[in-house]
C-alpha atoms as a PDB file:
ATOM      1  CA  MET A   1      -0.196  -0.324   0.011  1.00  0.00           C
ATOM      2  CA  ALA A   2       2.937   2.227   0.552  1.00  0.00           C
ATOM      3  CA  LYS A   3       4.269   4.534  -1.932  1.00  0.00           C
ATOM      4  CA  GLN A   4       7.849   6.128  -2.816  1.00  0.00           C
ATOM      5  CA  LEU A   5       6.554   9.709  -3.047  1.00  0.00           C
ATOM      6  CA  PRO A   6       9.571  12.422  -3.110  1.00  0.00           C
ATOM      7  CA  CYS A   7      10.216  13.327  -0.183  1.00  0.00           C
ATOM      8  CA  SER A   8      12.191  17.230   1.099  1.00  0.00           C
ATOM      9  CA  LEU A   9      14.992  17.348   2.196  1.00  0.00           C
ATOM     10  CA  SER A  10      13.497  19.329   5.864  1.00  0.00           C
ATOM     11  CA  SER A  11      11.017  16.679   5.766  1.00  0.00           C
ATOM     12  CA  ARG A  12      10.960  14.452   9.186  1.00  0.00           C
ATOM     13  CA  LEU A  13       9.670  11.530   8.261  1.00  0.00           C
ATOM     14  CA  ILE A  14       7.381   9.727  11.670  1.00  0.00           C
ATOM     15  CA  ARG A  15       5.985   6.312  12.390  1.00  0.00           C
ATOM     16  CA  LEU A  16       2.307   5.176  12.930  1.00  0.00           C
ATOM     17  CA  PRO A  17       2.508   5.809  17.123  1.00  0.00           C
ATOM     18  CA  GLU A  18       3.185   9.017  16.241  1.00  0.00           C
ATOM     19  CA  VAL A  19       0.692   9.735  13.455  1.00  0.00           C
ATOM     20  CA  LYS A  20      -1.982   8.488  15.110  1.00  0.00           C
ATOM     21  CA  ALA A  21      -1.352  10.333  18.279  1.00  0.00           C
ATOM     22  CA  ARG A  22      -1.425  13.914  16.136  1.00  0.00           C
ATOM     23  CA  VAL A  23      -4.472  12.971  13.840  1.00  0.00           C
ATOM     24  CA  GLY A  24      -6.007  11.199  16.534  1.00  0.00           C
ATOM     25  CA  LEU A  25      -7.318   8.425  15.151  1.00  0.00           C
ATOM     26  CA  GLY A  26      -6.939   5.038  14.981  1.00  0.00           C
ATOM     27  CA  ARG A  27      -4.691   2.458  12.825  1.00  0.00           C
ATOM     28  CA  SER A  28      -8.199   1.155  10.960  1.00  0.00           C
ATOM     29  CA  THR A  29      -9.076   4.007  10.376  1.00  0.00           C
ATOM     30  CA  ILE A  30      -5.796   5.572   9.224  1.00  0.00           C
ATOM     31  CA  TYR A  31      -5.609   2.927   6.608  1.00  0.00           C
ATOM     32  CA  ARG A  32      -9.080   2.631   5.643  1.00  0.00           C
ATOM     33  CA  ARG A  33      -8.495   6.822   5.037  1.00  0.00           C
ATOM     34  CA  MET A  34      -5.244   5.652   2.906  1.00  0.00           C
ATOM     35  CA  ARG A  35      -7.415   3.265   0.627  1.00  0.00           C
ATOM     36  CA  GLU A  36     -10.127   6.312   0.132  1.00  0.00           C
ATOM     37  CA  GLY A  37      -7.598   8.787  -1.104  1.00  0.00           C
ATOM     38  CA  THR A  38      -8.041  11.269   2.506  1.00  0.00           C
ATOM     39  CA  PHE A  39      -5.130  11.023   3.974  1.00  0.00           C
ATOM     40  CA  PRO A  40      -1.389  11.112   2.923  1.00  0.00           C
ATOM     41  CA  LEU A  41       0.132   8.001   1.847  1.00  0.00           C
ATOM     42  CA  PRO A  42       3.239   6.944   3.361  1.00  0.00           C
ATOM     43  CA  ARG A  43       7.089   6.153   1.830  1.00  0.00           C
ATOM     44  CA  SER A  44       8.335   2.879   2.473  1.00  0.00           C
ATOM     45  CA  LEU A  45      11.981   2.214   4.247  1.00  0.00           C
ATOM     46  CA  GLY A  46      12.171  -1.165   3.184  1.00  0.00           C
ATOM     47  CA  GLY A  47      10.772  -4.224   4.120  1.00  0.00           C
ATOM     48  CA  ARG A  48       7.538  -4.178   5.800  1.00  0.00           C
ATOM     49  CA  ALA A  49       8.946  -0.452   7.472  1.00  0.00           C
ATOM     50  CA  ILE A  50       6.264   2.865   6.350  1.00  0.00           C
ATOM     51  CA  ALA A  51       6.883   6.386   7.594  1.00  0.00           C
ATOM     52  CA  TRP A  52       5.257   9.916   7.016  1.00  0.00           C
ATOM     53  CA  ALA A  53       6.487  12.356   6.365  1.00  0.00           C
ATOM     54  CA  GLU A  54       5.820  15.402   8.390  1.00  0.00           C
ATOM     55  CA  GLU A  55       5.252  17.660   6.862  1.00  0.00           C
ATOM     56  CA  ASP A  56       2.630  16.092   4.849  1.00  0.00           C
ATOM     57  CA  VAL A  57       0.894  14.887   8.111  1.00  0.00           C
ATOM     58  CA  SER A  58       0.710  18.313   9.570  1.00  0.00           C
ATOM     59  CA  ALA A  59      -0.625  19.809   6.335  1.00  0.00           C
ATOM     60  CA  TRP A  60      -3.267  17.195   6.373  1.00  0.00           C
ATOM     61  CA  ILE A  61      -4.523  18.011   9.557  1.00  0.00           C
ATOM     62  CA  ALA A  62      -4.240  21.838   8.688  1.00  0.00           C
ATOM     63  CA  GLU A  63      -6.541  21.815   6.057  1.00  0.00           C
ATOM     64  CA  ARG A  64      -9.262  19.659   8.019  1.00  0.00           C
ATOM     65  CA  PRO A  65     -11.801  22.044   9.330  1.00  0.00           C
ATOM     66  CA  LEU A  66     -12.121  21.463  13.486  1.00  0.00           C
ATOM     67  CA  GLN A  67     -16.035  20.314  13.251  1.00  0.00           C
ATOM     68  CA  GLU A  68     -14.217  16.975  11.176  1.00  0.00           C
ATOM     69  CA  ILE A  69     -11.650  16.999  13.941  1.00  0.00           C
ATOM     70  CA  LEU A  70     -14.105  16.566  16.843  1.00  0.00           C
ATOM     71  CA  LEU A  71     -16.593  13.886  14.866  1.00  0.00           C
ATOM     72  CA  ASP A  72     -13.612  11.918  14.165  1.00  0.00           C
ATOM     73  CA  GLN A  73     -12.577  11.746  17.548  1.00  0.00           C
ATOM     74  CA  THR A  74     -15.447  10.471  19.020  1.00  0.00           C
ATOM     75  CA  SER A  75     -16.563   7.822  16.249  1.00  0.00           C
ATOM     76  CA  ALA A  76     -12.808   6.957  16.515  1.00  0.00           C
END
């Protein structure tokens, strides 16, 4: 599921536990949204390891309205 996408040199890569903590969503919801195309895709680190660009996750958070964030946290 992970795609190899260009990543800026200044971007830090964050693993799933940090992504979950930042966005307030569970693993299943994050993966479902990735399939739907509504959540940033991770980068492959090799083998089965993946990580997200911190700037992609931060941008996704910034573009979401507060109401949507609150609804996700009550349903996740």
